[in-house]
Amino acid sequence: MKISDKITNVKVAGLGGMGVLKAALILGELLFEEGCDVKKAEVHGMAQRGGSVSSDVRFGKKVISPIIPENETDFLLSLEPEWSDVFKDTLRQGGVVISPADIDVSKLPTAKALNIAILGAFSKHLDIPEERWLEVIAKFFPAKLAASNEAAFKLGRNS
């Protein structure tokens, strides 16, 4: 992946327990391993499980702040359809929303893998080989979940 001077801003949003933080952690690790400067910030709602959670991931050649400036989100990865509307105002003009509506969630191996499917759909926007994504994803889960995460990622990537 060629690292751009331009900073790319990704917001991952959903509810506690949906894998928002895990998705942001995987994305940050992948980008770091690909040579990007990466900064992350998280916002937890009133409850850890069920409350609102969002994570900002910023990457590029040199990133100073982990917080996405107002109206500068390039990609909104929404794990819950309603969060697409909640955070739509944070998008820059031409920003992209990726949500469960973009994936046939009935084909997910498990509902818990939605965050990985959303990463799969997002992966089409970055010039990073699928194999690299799968290698990094595998680092964050036990081996018994490898097949379901790979299937979820590919479902999102091929949607």
N, C-alpha and C. Protein backbone atom coordinates (compact mmCIF):
# COMPACT_ATOMS: atom_id res chain seq x y z
N MET A 1 0.85 -1.18 0.00
CA MET A 1 0.00 0.00 0.00
C MET A 1 0.88 1.23 0.00
N LYS A 2 0.62 2.13 -0.90
CA LYS A 2 1.36 3.39 -0.94
C LYS A 2 0.76 4.32 0.11
N ILE A 3 1.61 4.81 0.99
CA ILE A 3 1.14 5.69 2.05
C ILE A 3 1.03 7.10 1.50
N SER A 4 -0.14 7.65 1.64
CA SER A 4 -0.43 8.98 1.12
C SER A 4 -0.10 10.05 2.15
N ASP A 5 0.23 11.24 1.67
CA ASP A 5 0.40 12.38 2.57
C ASP A 5 -0.94 12.76 3.18
N LYS A 6 -2.02 12.44 2.46
CA LYS A 6 -3.37 12.75 2.93
C LYS A 6 -3.73 11.81 4.08
N ILE A 7 -4.33 12.36 5.11
CA ILE A 7 -4.80 11.54 6.23
C ILE A 7 -6.19 11.01 5.88
N THR A 8 -6.39 9.72 6.10
CA THR A 8 -7.69 9.09 5.90
C THR A 8 -8.32 8.87 7.26
N ASN A 9 -9.60 9.23 7.37
CA ASN A 9 -10.33 9.15 8.64
C ASN A 9 -11.45 8.12 8.55
N VAL A 10 -11.43 7.17 9.48
CA VAL A 10 -12.42 6.11 9.53
C VAL A 10 -13.08 6.13 10.90
N LYS A 11 -14.41 6.18 10.94
CA LYS A 11 -15.15 6.08 12.19
C LYS A 11 -15.89 4.75 12.19
N VAL A 12 -15.69 3.96 13.25
CA VAL A 12 -16.41 2.71 13.44
C VAL A 12 -17.41 2.98 14.55
N ALA A 13 -18.70 2.67 14.31
CA ALA A 13 -19.73 3.01 15.29
C ALA A 13 -20.72 1.88 15.46
N GLY A 14 -21.24 1.76 16.67
CA GLY A 14 -22.25 0.75 16.97
C GLY A 14 -22.58 0.77 18.44
N LEU A 15 -22.98 -0.37 18.94
CA LEU A 15 -23.33 -0.51 20.34
C LEU A 15 -22.31 -1.39 21.05
N GLY A 16 -22.18 -1.21 22.35
CA GLY A 16 -21.25 -2.03 23.13
C GLY A 16 -21.54 -3.51 22.95
N GLY A 17 -20.50 -4.28 22.75
CA GLY A 17 -20.64 -5.73 22.58
C GLY A 17 -20.74 -6.16 21.12
N MET A 18 -20.77 -5.19 20.19
CA MET A 18 -20.90 -5.53 18.77
C MET A 18 -19.56 -5.72 18.08
N GLY A 19 -18.47 -5.38 18.74
CA GLY A 19 -17.16 -5.53 18.13
C GLY A 19 -16.61 -4.27 17.50
N VAL A 20 -17.14 -3.11 17.89
CA VAL A 20 -16.65 -1.84 17.37
C VAL A 20 -15.16 -1.69 17.69
N LEU A 21 -14.80 -1.89 18.95
CA LEU A 21 -13.41 -1.70 19.36
C LEU A 21 -12.49 -2.74 18.74
N LYS A 22 -12.97 -3.95 18.61
CA LYS A 22 -12.17 -5.02 17.98
C LYS A 22 -11.92 -4.69 16.51
N ALA A 23 -12.95 -4.22 15.81
CA ALA A 23 -12.80 -3.85 14.40
C ALA A 23 -11.77 -2.73 14.25
N ALA A 24 -11.85 -1.71 15.11
CA ALA A 24 -10.90 -0.60 15.06
C ALA A 24 -9.48 -1.07 15.40
N LEU A 25 -9.37 -1.97 16.35
CA LEU A 25 -8.07 -2.52 16.73
C LEU A 25 -7.44 -3.30 15.56
N ILE A 26 -8.23 -4.12 14.91
CA ILE A 26 -7.74 -4.89 13.75
C ILE A 26 -7.30 -3.94 12.64
N LEU A 27 -8.16 -2.96 12.33
CA LEU A 27 -7.83 -2.01 11.28
C LEU A 27 -6.55 -1.25 11.60
N GLY A 28 -6.44 -0.77 12.84
CA GLY A 28 -5.24 -0.05 13.24
C GLY A 28 -3.97 -0.89 13.13
N GLU A 29 -4.06 -2.14 13.56
CA GLU A 29 -2.90 -3.03 13.49
C GLU A 29 -2.49 -3.29 12.04
N LEU A 30 -3.46 -3.56 11.20
CA LEU A 30 -3.17 -3.80 9.78
C LEU A 30 -2.47 -2.60 9.15
N LEU A 31 -3.02 -1.43 9.38
CA LEU A 31 -2.45 -0.21 8.79
C LEU A 31 -1.06 0.06 9.33
N PHE A 32 -0.85 -0.16 10.62
CA PHE A 32 0.47 0.00 11.22
C PHE A 32 1.47 -0.96 10.57
N GLU A 33 1.07 -2.22 10.42
CA GLU A 33 1.94 -3.21 9.80
C GLU A 33 2.24 -2.88 8.34
N GLU A 34 1.35 -2.13 7.70
CA GLU A 34 1.55 -1.72 6.31
C GLU A 34 2.38 -0.44 6.20
N GLY A 35 2.84 0.08 7.35
CA GLY A 35 3.74 1.21 7.35
C GLY A 35 3.11 2.58 7.55
N CYS A 36 1.84 2.61 7.88
CA CYS A 36 1.16 3.89 8.12
C CYS A 36 1.39 4.37 9.55
N ASP A 37 1.33 5.68 9.71
CA ASP A 37 1.22 6.26 11.04
C ASP A 37 -0.26 6.17 11.37
N VAL A 38 -0.60 5.60 12.52
CA VAL A 38 -2.00 5.35 12.88
C VAL A 38 -2.26 5.91 14.27
N LYS A 39 -3.40 6.57 14.40
CA LYS A 39 -3.86 7.05 15.71
C LYS A 39 -5.30 6.60 15.88
N LYS A 40 -5.67 6.21 17.12
CA LYS A 40 -7.04 5.75 17.42
C LYS A 40 -7.56 6.48 18.65
N ALA A 41 -8.87 6.67 18.67
CA ALA A 41 -9.55 7.23 19.84
C ALA A 41 -10.89 6.53 19.96
N GLU A 42 -11.37 6.38 21.20
CA GLU A 42 -12.62 5.66 21.45
C GLU A 42 -13.55 6.51 22.30
N VAL A 43 -14.84 6.35 22.07
CA VAL A 43 -15.87 6.97 22.90
C VAL A 43 -16.83 5.88 23.33
N HIS A 44 -16.94 5.68 24.65
CA HIS A 44 -17.85 4.70 25.21
C HIS A 44 -19.06 5.43 25.77
N GLY A 45 -20.26 4.91 25.46
CA GLY A 45 -21.48 5.50 25.99
C GLY A 45 -21.66 5.15 27.46
N MET A 46 -22.87 5.35 27.95
CA MET A 46 -23.16 5.13 29.37
C MET A 46 -22.94 3.69 29.82
N ALA A 47 -23.14 2.75 28.92
CA ALA A 47 -23.00 1.33 29.29
C ALA A 47 -21.98 0.67 28.38
N GLN A 48 -21.15 -0.19 28.92
CA GLN A 48 -20.18 -0.91 28.11
C GLN A 48 -20.88 -1.86 27.14
N ARG A 49 -21.91 -2.54 27.60
CA ARG A 49 -22.68 -3.44 26.74
C ARG A 49 -24.02 -2.79 26.46
N GLY A 50 -24.28 -2.51 25.22
CA GLY A 50 -25.55 -1.94 24.83
C GLY A 50 -25.54 -0.44 24.67
N GLY A 51 -24.55 0.26 25.24
CA GLY A 51 -24.44 1.70 25.07
C GLY A 51 -23.71 2.04 23.78
N SER A 52 -23.77 3.28 23.39
CA SER A 52 -23.11 3.68 22.14
C SER A 52 -21.59 3.61 22.30
N VAL A 53 -20.95 3.17 21.23
CA VAL A 53 -19.49 3.08 21.19
C VAL A 53 -19.06 3.52 19.80
N SER A 54 -18.03 4.35 19.74
CA SER A 54 -17.45 4.69 18.45
C SER A 54 -15.94 4.76 18.60
N SER A 55 -15.27 4.54 17.51
CA SER A 55 -13.82 4.59 17.51
C SER A 55 -13.36 5.30 16.25
N ASP A 56 -12.47 6.27 16.42
CA ASP A 56 -11.87 6.96 15.30
C ASP A 56 -10.53 6.30 14.99
N VAL A 57 -10.29 6.03 13.71
CA VAL A 57 -9.01 5.51 13.25
C VAL A 57 -8.54 6.46 12.16
N ARG A 58 -7.37 7.06 12.38
CA ARG A 58 -6.81 7.99 11.40
C ARG A 58 -5.46 7.45 10.96
N PHE A 59 -5.20 7.49 9.66
CA PHE A 59 -3.93 6.97 9.18
C PHE A 59 -3.44 7.75 7.97
N GLY A 60 -2.13 7.69 7.78
CA GLY A 60 -1.47 8.36 6.66
C GLY A 60 0.02 8.37 6.93
N LYS A 61 0.72 9.29 6.28
CA LYS A 61 2.17 9.39 6.45
C LYS A 61 2.52 9.92 7.84
N LYS A 62 1.79 10.97 8.29
CA LYS A 62 2.04 11.54 9.61
C LYS A 62 0.70 12.04 10.15
N VAL A 63 0.28 11.45 11.29
CA VAL A 63 -0.98 11.82 11.92
C VAL A 63 -0.65 12.42 13.29
N ILE A 64 -1.20 13.59 13.57
CA ILE A 64 -0.92 14.26 14.83
C ILE A 64 -1.95 13.89 15.89
N SER A 65 -3.23 14.04 15.58
CA SER A 65 -4.30 13.85 16.56
C SER A 65 -5.11 12.58 16.28
N PRO A 66 -5.55 11.88 17.32
CA PRO A 66 -6.38 10.68 17.10
C PRO A 66 -7.86 11.01 16.84
N ILE A 67 -8.27 12.24 17.07
CA ILE A 67 -9.67 12.61 16.92
C ILE A 67 -9.93 13.14 15.51
N ILE A 68 -10.97 12.61 14.86
CA ILE A 68 -11.34 13.07 13.52
C ILE A 68 -11.95 14.46 13.65
N PRO A 69 -11.41 15.44 12.90
CA PRO A 69 -12.00 16.77 12.93
C PRO A 69 -13.45 16.76 12.42
N GLU A 70 -14.21 17.75 12.80
CA GLU A 70 -15.61 17.85 12.42
C GLU A 70 -15.77 17.82 10.90
N ASN A 71 -16.70 17.00 10.45
CA ASN A 71 -17.03 16.86 9.02
C ASN A 71 -15.86 16.38 8.17
N GLU A 72 -14.98 15.55 8.73
CA GLU A 72 -13.81 15.05 8.00
C GLU A 72 -13.76 13.52 7.92
N THR A 73 -14.84 12.84 8.30
CA THR A 73 -14.84 11.38 8.23
C THR A 73 -14.92 10.94 6.77
N ASP A 74 -13.93 10.13 6.34
CA ASP A 74 -13.93 9.61 4.97
C ASP A 74 -14.80 8.36 4.86
N PHE A 75 -14.74 7.51 5.90
CA PHE A 75 -15.49 6.25 5.90
C PHE A 75 -16.16 6.08 7.24
N LEU A 76 -17.46 5.80 7.21
CA LEU A 76 -18.22 5.48 8.41
C LEU A 76 -18.57 4.00 8.33
N LEU A 77 -18.02 3.21 9.23
CA LEU A 77 -18.31 1.78 9.31
C LEU A 77 -19.33 1.61 10.42
N SER A 78 -20.57 1.44 10.06
CA SER A 78 -21.66 1.39 11.02
C SER A 78 -22.08 -0.05 11.25
N LEU A 79 -21.97 -0.51 12.49
CA LEU A 79 -22.35 -1.88 12.81
C LEU A 79 -23.82 -2.01 13.16
N GLU A 80 -24.48 -0.89 13.29
CA GLU A 80 -25.91 -0.86 13.61
C GLU A 80 -26.53 0.16 12.66
N PRO A 81 -27.57 -0.21 11.89
CA PRO A 81 -28.10 0.69 10.87
C PRO A 81 -28.42 2.10 11.38
N GLU A 82 -28.93 2.22 12.59
CA GLU A 82 -29.29 3.55 13.10
C GLU A 82 -28.08 4.46 13.28
N TRP A 83 -26.90 3.89 13.48
CA TRP A 83 -25.71 4.71 13.67
C TRP A 83 -25.26 5.35 12.37
N SER A 84 -25.70 4.82 11.24
CA SER A 84 -25.41 5.47 9.97
C SER A 84 -26.02 6.87 9.96
N ASP A 85 -27.25 6.99 10.48
CA ASP A 85 -27.92 8.28 10.55
C ASP A 85 -27.31 9.17 11.63
N VAL A 86 -26.99 8.59 12.77
CA VAL A 86 -26.45 9.36 13.89
C VAL A 86 -25.14 10.06 13.50
N PHE A 87 -24.27 9.35 12.78
CA PHE A 87 -22.95 9.89 12.48
C PHE A 87 -22.82 10.43 11.06
N LYS A 88 -23.91 10.44 10.29
CA LYS A 88 -23.85 10.91 8.91
C LYS A 88 -23.32 12.34 8.82
N ASP A 89 -23.64 13.15 9.81
CA ASP A 89 -23.19 14.55 9.82
C ASP A 89 -21.68 14.68 9.96
N THR A 90 -20.99 13.63 10.40
CA THR A 90 -19.55 13.71 10.57
C THR A 90 -18.80 13.47 9.26
N LEU A 91 -19.52 12.99 8.23
CA LEU A 91 -18.88 12.66 6.95
C LEU A 91 -18.46 13.91 6.20
N ARG A 92 -17.32 13.80 5.54
CA ARG A 92 -16.92 14.86 4.62
C ARG A 92 -17.75 14.69 3.35
N GLN A 93 -17.80 15.69 2.50
CA GLN A 93 -18.52 15.57 1.24
C GLN A 93 -17.89 14.43 0.44
N GLY A 94 -18.72 13.50 -0.01
CA GLY A 94 -18.23 12.34 -0.75
C GLY A 94 -17.82 11.19 0.16
N GLY A 95 -18.00 11.33 1.49
CA GLY A 95 -17.67 10.26 2.42
C GLY A 95 -18.53 9.03 2.17
N VAL A 96 -18.03 7.88 2.57
CA VAL A 96 -18.67 6.60 2.29
C VAL A 96 -19.19 5.98 3.59
N VAL A 97 -20.44 5.50 3.55
CA VAL A 97 -21.02 4.78 4.68
C VAL A 97 -21.07 3.30 4.31
N ILE A 98 -20.56 2.46 5.20
CA ILE A 98 -20.66 1.01 5.04
C ILE A 98 -21.43 0.50 6.24
N SER A 99 -22.55 -0.18 5.99
CA SER A 99 -23.42 -0.62 7.08
C SER A 99 -23.93 -2.03 6.81
N PRO A 100 -24.64 -2.62 7.76
CA PRO A 100 -25.19 -3.96 7.54
C PRO A 100 -26.09 -4.05 6.31
N ALA A 101 -26.63 -2.92 5.88
CA ALA A 101 -27.47 -2.91 4.67
C ALA A 101 -26.67 -3.27 3.42
N ASP A 102 -25.35 -3.16 3.49
CA ASP A 102 -24.49 -3.46 2.34
C ASP A 102 -24.10 -4.94 2.26
N ILE A 103 -24.53 -5.72 3.24
CA ILE A 103 -24.13 -7.12 3.35
C ILE A 103 -25.38 -7.97 3.54
N ASP A 104 -25.38 -9.16 2.97
CA ASP A 104 -26.49 -10.09 3.23
C ASP A 104 -26.21 -10.77 4.57
N VAL A 105 -26.67 -10.12 5.65
CA VAL A 105 -26.35 -10.59 7.00
C VAL A 105 -26.93 -11.98 7.29
N SER A 106 -27.92 -12.41 6.51
CA SER A 106 -28.48 -13.76 6.71
C SER A 106 -27.46 -14.83 6.36
N LYS A 107 -26.41 -14.47 5.62
CA LYS A 107 -25.38 -15.43 5.23
C LYS A 107 -24.18 -15.42 6.16
N LEU A 108 -24.21 -14.58 7.20
CA LEU A 108 -23.10 -14.57 8.16
C LEU A 108 -23.04 -15.91 8.90
N PRO A 109 -21.85 -16.43 9.13
CA PRO A 109 -21.73 -17.69 9.88
C PRO A 109 -22.23 -17.54 11.32
N THR A 110 -22.11 -16.33 11.87
CA THR A 110 -22.61 -15.99 13.20
C THR A 110 -22.82 -14.49 13.24
N ALA A 111 -23.85 -14.04 13.95
CA ALA A 111 -24.13 -12.61 14.03
C ALA A 111 -22.97 -11.84 14.65
N LYS A 112 -22.18 -12.51 15.48
CA LYS A 112 -21.04 -11.86 16.13
C LYS A 112 -19.94 -11.47 15.14
N ALA A 113 -19.99 -12.01 13.93
CA ALA A 113 -18.96 -11.74 12.93
C ALA A 113 -19.31 -10.55 12.03
N LEU A 114 -20.37 -9.81 12.36
CA LEU A 114 -20.76 -8.67 11.54
C LEU A 114 -19.62 -7.66 11.43
N ASN A 115 -18.91 -7.41 12.52
CA ASN A 115 -17.82 -6.43 12.47
C ASN A 115 -16.75 -6.84 11.46
N ILE A 116 -16.50 -8.13 11.35
CA ILE A 116 -15.49 -8.61 10.39
C ILE A 116 -16.03 -8.50 8.96
N ALA A 117 -17.31 -8.75 8.78
CA ALA A 117 -17.93 -8.59 7.45
C ALA A 117 -17.87 -7.12 7.01
N ILE A 118 -18.11 -6.20 7.95
CA ILE A 118 -18.03 -4.77 7.64
C ILE A 118 -16.59 -4.40 7.25
N LEU A 119 -15.60 -4.97 7.95
CA LEU A 119 -14.21 -4.75 7.55
C LEU A 119 -13.96 -5.30 6.15
N GLY A 120 -14.57 -6.43 5.85
CA GLY A 120 -14.44 -7.00 4.50
C GLY A 120 -14.97 -6.05 3.44
N ALA A 121 -16.14 -5.46 3.69
CA ALA A 121 -16.71 -4.51 2.74
C ALA A 121 -15.82 -3.27 2.62
N PHE A 122 -15.28 -2.82 3.75
CA PHE A 122 -14.39 -1.66 3.73
C PHE A 122 -13.08 -1.97 3.01
N SER A 123 -12.61 -3.20 3.10
CA SER A 123 -11.31 -3.56 2.54
C SER A 123 -11.21 -3.28 1.04
N LYS A 124 -12.35 -3.24 0.37
CA LYS A 124 -12.35 -2.95 -1.07
C LYS A 124 -11.87 -1.53 -1.37
N HIS A 125 -11.88 -0.67 -0.36
CA HIS A 125 -11.49 0.73 -0.56
C HIS A 125 -10.01 0.97 -0.30
N LEU A 126 -9.30 -0.04 0.17
CA LEU A 126 -7.87 0.11 0.44
C LEU A 126 -7.08 -0.87 -0.43
N ASP A 127 -5.92 -0.43 -0.82
CA ASP A 127 -5.07 -1.26 -1.68
C ASP A 127 -4.18 -2.17 -0.82
N ILE A 128 -4.85 -3.06 -0.10
CA ILE A 128 -4.14 -4.02 0.75
C ILE A 128 -4.69 -5.40 0.38
N PRO A 129 -3.81 -6.35 0.07
CA PRO A 129 -4.29 -7.68 -0.35
C PRO A 129 -5.16 -8.36 0.71
N GLU A 130 -6.13 -9.11 0.24
CA GLU A 130 -7.05 -9.85 1.12
C GLU A 130 -6.29 -10.73 2.11
N GLU A 131 -5.21 -11.35 1.65
CA GLU A 131 -4.45 -12.26 2.51
C GLU A 131 -3.89 -11.53 3.74
N ARG A 132 -3.46 -10.27 3.54
CA ARG A 132 -2.93 -9.49 4.66
C ARG A 132 -4.02 -9.22 5.70
N TRP A 133 -5.22 -8.87 5.22
CA TRP A 133 -6.34 -8.65 6.12
C TRP A 133 -6.59 -9.91 6.95
N LEU A 134 -6.65 -11.05 6.28
CA LEU A 134 -6.95 -12.30 6.97
C LEU A 134 -5.86 -12.68 7.97
N GLU A 135 -4.61 -12.42 7.62
CA GLU A 135 -3.50 -12.69 8.55
C GLU A 135 -3.66 -11.88 9.83
N VAL A 136 -3.96 -10.60 9.69
CA VAL A 136 -4.09 -9.74 10.87
C VAL A 136 -5.33 -10.10 11.67
N ILE A 137 -6.44 -10.35 11.00
CA ILE A 137 -7.67 -10.75 11.70
C ILE A 137 -7.40 -11.99 12.55
N ALA A 138 -6.67 -12.96 11.99
CA ALA A 138 -6.39 -14.21 12.70
C ALA A 138 -5.62 -14.00 14.00
N LYS A 139 -4.84 -12.91 14.08
CA LYS A 139 -4.07 -12.62 15.29
C LYS A 139 -4.96 -12.28 16.49
N PHE A 140 -6.19 -11.86 16.22
CA PHE A 140 -7.05 -11.34 17.28
C PHE A 140 -8.11 -12.31 17.77
N PHE A 141 -8.13 -13.52 17.20
CA PHE A 141 -9.15 -14.49 17.57
C PHE A 141 -8.52 -15.87 17.76
N PRO A 142 -9.13 -16.71 18.58
CA PRO A 142 -8.63 -18.09 18.71
C PRO A 142 -8.81 -18.84 17.39
N ALA A 143 -7.99 -19.85 17.19
CA ALA A 143 -8.00 -20.62 15.94
C ALA A 143 -9.38 -21.20 15.61
N LYS A 144 -10.17 -21.54 16.63
CA LYS A 144 -11.48 -22.15 16.38
C LYS A 144 -12.45 -21.18 15.69
N LEU A 145 -12.13 -19.88 15.71
CA LEU A 145 -12.99 -18.89 15.04
C LEU A 145 -12.46 -18.47 13.67
N ALA A 146 -11.36 -19.04 13.25
CA ALA A 146 -10.72 -18.64 11.99
C ALA A 146 -11.65 -18.82 10.79
N ALA A 147 -12.29 -19.96 10.68
CA ALA A 147 -13.14 -20.24 9.52
C ALA A 147 -14.34 -19.29 9.45
N SER A 148 -14.98 -19.03 10.59
CA SER A 148 -16.15 -18.15 10.56
C SER A 148 -15.75 -16.71 10.28
N ASN A 149 -14.61 -16.26 10.82
CA ASN A 149 -14.15 -14.90 10.53
C ASN A 149 -13.74 -14.75 9.07
N GLU A 150 -13.08 -15.75 8.52
CA GLU A 150 -12.70 -15.69 7.11
C GLU A 150 -13.95 -15.65 6.23
N ALA A 151 -14.94 -16.47 6.56
CA ALA A 151 -16.18 -16.48 5.78
C ALA A 151 -16.89 -15.13 5.86
N ALA A 152 -16.92 -14.53 7.06
CA ALA A 152 -17.57 -13.23 7.24
C ALA A 152 -16.83 -12.14 6.46
N PHE A 153 -15.51 -12.16 6.54
CA PHE A 153 -14.71 -11.17 5.82
C PHE A 153 -14.97 -11.27 4.32
N LYS A 154 -14.95 -12.48 3.80
CA LYS A 154 -15.16 -12.68 2.36
C LYS A 154 -16.57 -12.31 1.94
N LEU A 155 -17.55 -12.56 2.81
CA LEU A 155 -18.92 -12.16 2.52
C LEU A 155 -18.99 -10.65 2.34
N GLY A 156 -18.37 -9.91 3.25
CA GLY A 156 -18.35 -8.46 3.14
C GLY A 156 -17.55 -7.97 1.93
N ARG A 157 -16.42 -8.58 1.70
CA ARG A 157 -15.56 -8.17 0.58
C ARG A 157 -16.23 -8.42 -0.76
N ASN A 158 -17.01 -9.47 -0.85
CA ASN A 158 -17.66 -9.82 -2.12
C ASN A 158 -19.06 -9.25 -2.27
N SER A 159 -19.49 -8.44 -1.30
CA SER A 159 -20.84 -7.88 -1.38
C SER A 159 -20.89 -6.67 -2.29
